[in-house]
Amino acid sequence: MIEALFAWFVATFLLGPLQSGMATALEAGRAPTAVVEQVTRCATEATPRLVNRAMDDPWWAISTAFGATIGTTTPESVLRDAAPGCEAALAAARPFLNRG
C-alpha cells in the first residue's frame, strides 16, 4: 500500500514535471524528435529508481518534488541523479536545452 502511494507520488510530482519540463525545454530548443524520444525513454525507465529512492529517502522525494515544482531543481539534474545511464541522452539534449 505504501509503495503504491510512493509510486503515485513519484509519478505525479517528480516524473510528470520532469518529463514536462524536459519536453518543453527541448521543444523550445527545437530538438530533433529522436533526441526528445531518447530523453523521454530514459525518464520513463528511471521511474523504478525514482520510486526506490523516494522509499529510501522520503525527505529527498519531498524536497526534489518541491524544487522541481518551483523551478529550483532542474529536470536534467533529477534525471542525471536517478539514471546515470541516461548521460548519453542528456548529452545529446544539452545543446537544445540551452537554446530555449
N, C-alpha and C. Protein backbone atom coordinates (compact mmCIF):
# COMPACT_ATOMS: atom_id res chain seq x y z
N MET A 1 0.82 -1.19 0.00
CA MET A 1 0.00 0.00 0.00
C MET A 1 0.86 1.26 0.00
N ILE A 2 1.86 1.31 0.89
CA ILE A 2 2.72 2.49 0.96
C ILE A 2 3.55 2.61 -0.31
N GLU A 3 4.01 1.49 -0.85
CA GLU A 3 4.80 1.53 -2.08
C GLU A 3 3.97 2.08 -3.24
N ALA A 4 2.70 1.71 -3.29
CA ALA A 4 1.82 2.25 -4.34
C ALA A 4 1.62 3.75 -4.16
N LEU A 5 1.51 4.20 -2.93
CA LEU A 5 1.38 5.63 -2.66
C LEU A 5 2.64 6.38 -3.08
N PHE A 6 3.80 5.84 -2.77
CA PHE A 6 5.05 6.46 -3.19
C PHE A 6 5.19 6.46 -4.71
N ALA A 7 4.77 5.36 -5.34
CA ALA A 7 4.83 5.30 -6.81
C ALA A 7 3.95 6.39 -7.41
N TRP A 8 2.76 6.60 -6.85
CA TRP A 8 1.87 7.66 -7.33
C TRP A 8 2.52 9.02 -7.10
N PHE A 9 3.08 9.23 -5.91
CA PHE A 9 3.74 10.49 -5.58
C PHE A 9 4.87 10.79 -6.57
N VAL A 10 5.70 9.79 -6.81
CA VAL A 10 6.83 9.97 -7.73
C VAL A 10 6.34 10.26 -9.14
N ALA A 11 5.35 9.52 -9.58
CA ALA A 11 4.82 9.72 -10.94
C ALA A 11 4.18 11.10 -11.08
N THR A 12 3.45 11.53 -10.07
CA THR A 12 2.73 12.79 -10.14
C THR A 12 3.62 14.01 -9.92
N PHE A 13 4.47 13.95 -8.92
CA PHE A 13 5.21 15.14 -8.53
C PHE A 13 6.68 15.17 -8.96
N LEU A 14 7.20 14.05 -9.41
CA LEU A 14 8.58 14.04 -9.91
C LEU A 14 8.63 13.73 -11.40
N LEU A 15 8.10 12.58 -11.77
CA LEU A 15 8.21 12.16 -13.17
C LEU A 15 7.40 13.04 -14.10
N GLY A 16 6.20 13.42 -13.70
CA GLY A 16 5.37 14.28 -14.54
C GLY A 16 6.03 15.62 -14.83
N PRO A 17 6.42 16.37 -13.78
CA PRO A 17 7.11 17.64 -14.03
C PRO A 17 8.45 17.46 -14.74
N LEU A 18 9.15 16.37 -14.44
CA LEU A 18 10.43 16.12 -15.09
C LEU A 18 10.24 15.97 -16.59
N GLN A 19 9.32 15.09 -16.99
CA GLN A 19 9.08 14.88 -18.41
C GLN A 19 8.51 16.12 -19.07
N SER A 20 7.61 16.80 -18.40
CA SER A 20 7.02 18.01 -18.95
C SER A 20 8.07 19.10 -19.12
N GLY A 21 8.89 19.29 -18.10
CA GLY A 21 9.93 20.31 -18.16
C GLY A 21 10.95 20.03 -19.24
N MET A 22 11.36 18.78 -19.35
CA MET A 22 12.33 18.42 -20.39
C MET A 22 11.71 18.58 -21.77
N ALA A 23 10.48 18.12 -21.94
CA ALA A 23 9.81 18.22 -23.24
C ALA A 23 9.64 19.68 -23.66
N THR A 24 9.24 20.52 -22.72
CA THR A 24 9.06 21.95 -23.02
C THR A 24 10.38 22.59 -23.42
N ALA A 25 11.44 22.29 -22.65
CA ALA A 25 12.75 22.87 -22.95
C ALA A 25 13.28 22.36 -24.29
N LEU A 26 13.10 21.09 -24.57
CA LEU A 26 13.57 20.54 -25.84
C LEU A 26 12.77 21.09 -27.01
N GLU A 27 11.48 21.26 -26.81
CA GLU A 27 10.64 21.85 -27.86
C GLU A 27 11.06 23.29 -28.13
N ALA A 28 11.32 24.04 -27.07
CA ALA A 28 11.75 25.44 -27.22
C ALA A 28 13.11 25.52 -27.92
N GLY A 29 13.95 24.52 -27.69
CA GLY A 29 15.26 24.48 -28.32
C GLY A 29 15.26 23.83 -29.69
N ARG A 30 14.07 23.43 -30.14
CA ARG A 30 13.90 22.78 -31.45
C ARG A 30 14.75 21.53 -31.60
N ALA A 31 14.70 20.68 -30.59
CA ALA A 31 15.45 19.43 -30.62
C ALA A 31 14.82 18.46 -31.61
N PRO A 32 15.63 17.64 -32.25
CA PRO A 32 15.09 16.62 -33.15
C PRO A 32 14.23 15.62 -32.37
N THR A 33 13.27 15.05 -33.05
CA THR A 33 12.35 14.09 -32.43
C THR A 33 13.10 12.94 -31.79
N ALA A 34 14.16 12.47 -32.42
CA ALA A 34 14.93 11.34 -31.88
C ALA A 34 15.52 11.68 -30.51
N VAL A 35 15.97 12.90 -30.33
CA VAL A 35 16.54 13.31 -29.04
C VAL A 35 15.44 13.37 -27.99
N VAL A 36 14.30 13.93 -28.35
CA VAL A 36 13.17 14.01 -27.41
C VAL A 36 12.75 12.60 -26.99
N GLU A 37 12.64 11.70 -27.95
CA GLU A 37 12.23 10.32 -27.64
C GLU A 37 13.25 9.62 -26.75
N GLN A 38 14.53 9.85 -27.00
CA GLN A 38 15.58 9.23 -26.20
C GLN A 38 15.52 9.71 -24.75
N VAL A 39 15.33 10.99 -24.55
CA VAL A 39 15.25 11.54 -23.19
C VAL A 39 13.97 11.05 -22.50
N THR A 40 12.87 11.03 -23.24
CA THR A 40 11.61 10.55 -22.67
C THR A 40 11.72 9.09 -22.25
N ARG A 41 12.35 8.29 -23.09
CA ARG A 41 12.52 6.86 -22.77
C ARG A 41 13.37 6.71 -21.51
N CYS A 42 14.44 7.49 -21.41
CA CYS A 42 15.29 7.43 -20.21
C CYS A 42 14.50 7.82 -18.96
N ALA A 43 13.72 8.88 -19.07
CA ALA A 43 12.92 9.33 -17.92
C ALA A 43 11.94 8.25 -17.49
N THR A 44 11.32 7.60 -18.46
CA THR A 44 10.38 6.53 -18.14
C THR A 44 11.08 5.35 -17.49
N GLU A 45 12.24 4.99 -18.01
CA GLU A 45 12.99 3.88 -17.45
C GLU A 45 13.55 4.19 -16.07
N ALA A 46 13.67 5.46 -15.73
CA ALA A 46 14.18 5.86 -14.42
C ALA A 46 13.12 5.77 -13.33
N THR A 47 11.87 5.58 -13.70
CA THR A 47 10.78 5.56 -12.72
C THR A 47 11.02 4.58 -11.57
N PRO A 48 11.38 3.32 -11.83
CA PRO A 48 11.60 2.41 -10.68
C PRO A 48 12.71 2.90 -9.74
N ARG A 49 13.76 3.48 -10.28
CA ARG A 49 14.84 4.00 -9.43
C ARG A 49 14.35 5.20 -8.62
N LEU A 50 13.53 6.05 -9.25
CA LEU A 50 12.97 7.19 -8.52
C LEU A 50 12.07 6.72 -7.38
N VAL A 51 11.26 5.71 -7.65
CA VAL A 51 10.37 5.17 -6.61
C VAL A 51 11.20 4.58 -5.47
N ASN A 52 12.23 3.81 -5.81
CA ASN A 52 13.08 3.22 -4.77
C ASN A 52 13.78 4.29 -3.95
N ARG A 53 14.27 5.31 -4.61
CA ARG A 53 14.94 6.38 -3.88
C ARG A 53 13.95 7.11 -2.98
N ALA A 54 12.75 7.35 -3.47
CA ALA A 54 11.72 8.01 -2.66
C ALA A 54 11.36 7.16 -1.45
N MET A 55 11.31 5.85 -1.63
CA MET A 55 11.01 4.95 -0.50
C MET A 55 12.14 4.99 0.53
N ASP A 56 13.38 5.01 0.05
CA ASP A 56 14.54 5.00 0.95
C ASP A 56 14.77 6.35 1.62
N ASP A 57 14.42 7.43 0.92
CA ASP A 57 14.69 8.77 1.42
C ASP A 57 13.51 9.70 1.13
N PRO A 58 12.45 9.61 1.94
CA PRO A 58 11.27 10.44 1.69
C PRO A 58 11.57 11.94 1.68
N TRP A 59 12.53 12.39 2.50
CA TRP A 59 12.86 13.82 2.51
C TRP A 59 13.41 14.24 1.14
N TRP A 60 14.24 13.40 0.52
CA TRP A 60 14.74 13.69 -0.82
C TRP A 60 13.57 13.83 -1.79
N ALA A 61 12.61 12.91 -1.71
CA ALA A 61 11.46 12.94 -2.62
C ALA A 61 10.67 14.23 -2.47
N ILE A 62 10.41 14.62 -1.24
CA ILE A 62 9.63 15.83 -0.99
C ILE A 62 10.39 17.07 -1.44
N SER A 63 11.65 17.16 -1.07
CA SER A 63 12.42 18.36 -1.43
C SER A 63 12.66 18.44 -2.93
N THR A 64 12.88 17.31 -3.59
CA THR A 64 13.09 17.31 -5.03
C THR A 64 11.81 17.66 -5.76
N ALA A 65 10.69 17.09 -5.33
CA ALA A 65 9.41 17.42 -5.96
C ALA A 65 9.10 18.90 -5.80
N PHE A 66 9.34 19.44 -4.61
CA PHE A 66 9.10 20.85 -4.37
C PHE A 66 10.02 21.70 -5.24
N GLY A 67 11.30 21.35 -5.29
CA GLY A 67 12.25 22.08 -6.11
C GLY A 67 11.91 22.03 -7.58
N ALA A 68 11.44 20.87 -8.05
CA ALA A 68 11.04 20.74 -9.45
C ALA A 68 9.80 21.58 -9.74
N THR A 69 8.90 21.66 -8.78
CA THR A 69 7.68 22.42 -8.96
C THR A 69 7.95 23.92 -9.03
N ILE A 70 8.83 24.41 -8.17
CA ILE A 70 9.09 25.85 -8.16
C ILE A 70 10.24 26.25 -9.07
N GLY A 71 10.92 25.27 -9.65
CA GLY A 71 11.95 25.57 -10.64
C GLY A 71 13.36 25.68 -10.12
N THR A 72 13.61 25.36 -8.87
CA THR A 72 14.97 25.43 -8.35
C THR A 72 15.76 24.15 -8.62
N THR A 73 15.06 23.07 -8.92
CA THR A 73 15.68 21.81 -9.29
C THR A 73 15.36 21.55 -10.74
N THR A 74 16.40 21.38 -11.56
CA THR A 74 16.16 21.17 -12.98
C THR A 74 15.81 19.72 -13.27
N PRO A 75 14.96 19.50 -14.26
CA PRO A 75 14.64 18.13 -14.66
C PRO A 75 15.90 17.36 -15.06
N GLU A 76 16.83 18.04 -15.70
CA GLU A 76 18.06 17.39 -16.13
C GLU A 76 18.84 16.84 -14.93
N SER A 77 18.93 17.61 -13.85
CA SER A 77 19.68 17.15 -12.68
C SER A 77 19.00 15.98 -11.99
N VAL A 78 17.68 16.00 -11.93
CA VAL A 78 16.95 14.88 -11.32
C VAL A 78 17.17 13.62 -12.14
N LEU A 79 17.05 13.74 -13.45
CA LEU A 79 17.23 12.57 -14.32
C LEU A 79 18.68 12.07 -14.26
N ARG A 80 19.63 12.97 -14.23
CA ARG A 80 21.04 12.57 -14.16
C ARG A 80 21.30 11.80 -12.87
N ASP A 81 20.75 12.28 -11.75
CA ASP A 81 20.95 11.61 -10.46
C ASP A 81 20.24 10.27 -10.41
N ALA A 82 19.04 10.20 -10.96
CA ALA A 82 18.23 8.99 -10.87
C ALA A 82 18.68 7.92 -11.85
N ALA A 83 19.18 8.34 -12.99
CA ALA A 83 19.53 7.38 -14.04
C ALA A 83 20.85 7.78 -14.68
N PRO A 84 21.96 7.43 -14.04
CA PRO A 84 23.25 7.77 -14.61
C PRO A 84 23.45 7.21 -16.03
N GLY A 85 22.73 6.15 -16.36
CA GLY A 85 22.81 5.57 -17.69
C GLY A 85 22.22 6.46 -18.77
N CYS A 86 21.55 7.51 -18.38
CA CYS A 86 20.92 8.42 -19.33
C CYS A 86 21.86 9.56 -19.73
N GLU A 87 23.09 9.51 -19.31
CA GLU A 87 24.01 10.60 -19.60
C GLU A 87 24.17 10.84 -21.10
N ALA A 88 24.15 9.76 -21.91
CA ALA A 88 24.28 9.94 -23.37
C ALA A 88 23.08 10.71 -23.92
N ALA A 89 21.88 10.38 -23.45
CA ALA A 89 20.68 11.08 -23.90
C ALA A 89 20.71 12.54 -23.46
N LEU A 90 21.15 12.77 -22.23
CA LEU A 90 21.24 14.14 -21.72
C LEU A 90 22.32 14.93 -22.46
N ALA A 91 23.41 14.28 -22.81
CA ALA A 91 24.46 14.97 -23.57
C ALA A 91 23.95 15.37 -24.94
N ALA A 92 23.14 14.50 -25.56
CA ALA A 92 22.56 14.82 -26.87
C ALA A 92 21.54 15.95 -26.74
N ALA A 93 20.86 16.02 -25.61
CA ALA A 93 19.82 17.03 -25.41
C ALA A 93 20.38 18.38 -24.94
N ARG A 94 21.53 18.37 -24.30
CA ARG A 94 22.07 19.58 -23.68
C ARG A 94 22.14 20.79 -24.61
N PRO A 95 22.62 20.66 -25.85
CA PRO A 95 22.66 21.86 -26.71
C PRO A 95 21.28 22.46 -26.97
N PHE A 96 20.26 21.61 -27.00
CA PHE A 96 18.90 22.08 -27.26
C PHE A 96 18.27 22.66 -26.01
N LEU A 97 18.70 22.20 -24.85
CA LEU A 97 18.18 22.72 -23.59
C LEU A 97 18.70 24.14 -23.36
N ASN A 98 19.88 24.42 -23.83
CA ASN A 98 20.47 25.74 -23.63
C ASN A 98 19.97 26.78 -24.63
N ARG A 99 19.29 26.34 -25.66
CA ARG A 99 18.79 27.26 -26.67
C ARG A 99 17.51 27.96 -26.27
N GLY A 100 16.65 27.20 -25.51
CA GLY A 100 15.30 27.68 -25.24
C GLY A 100 15.20 28.84 -24.32
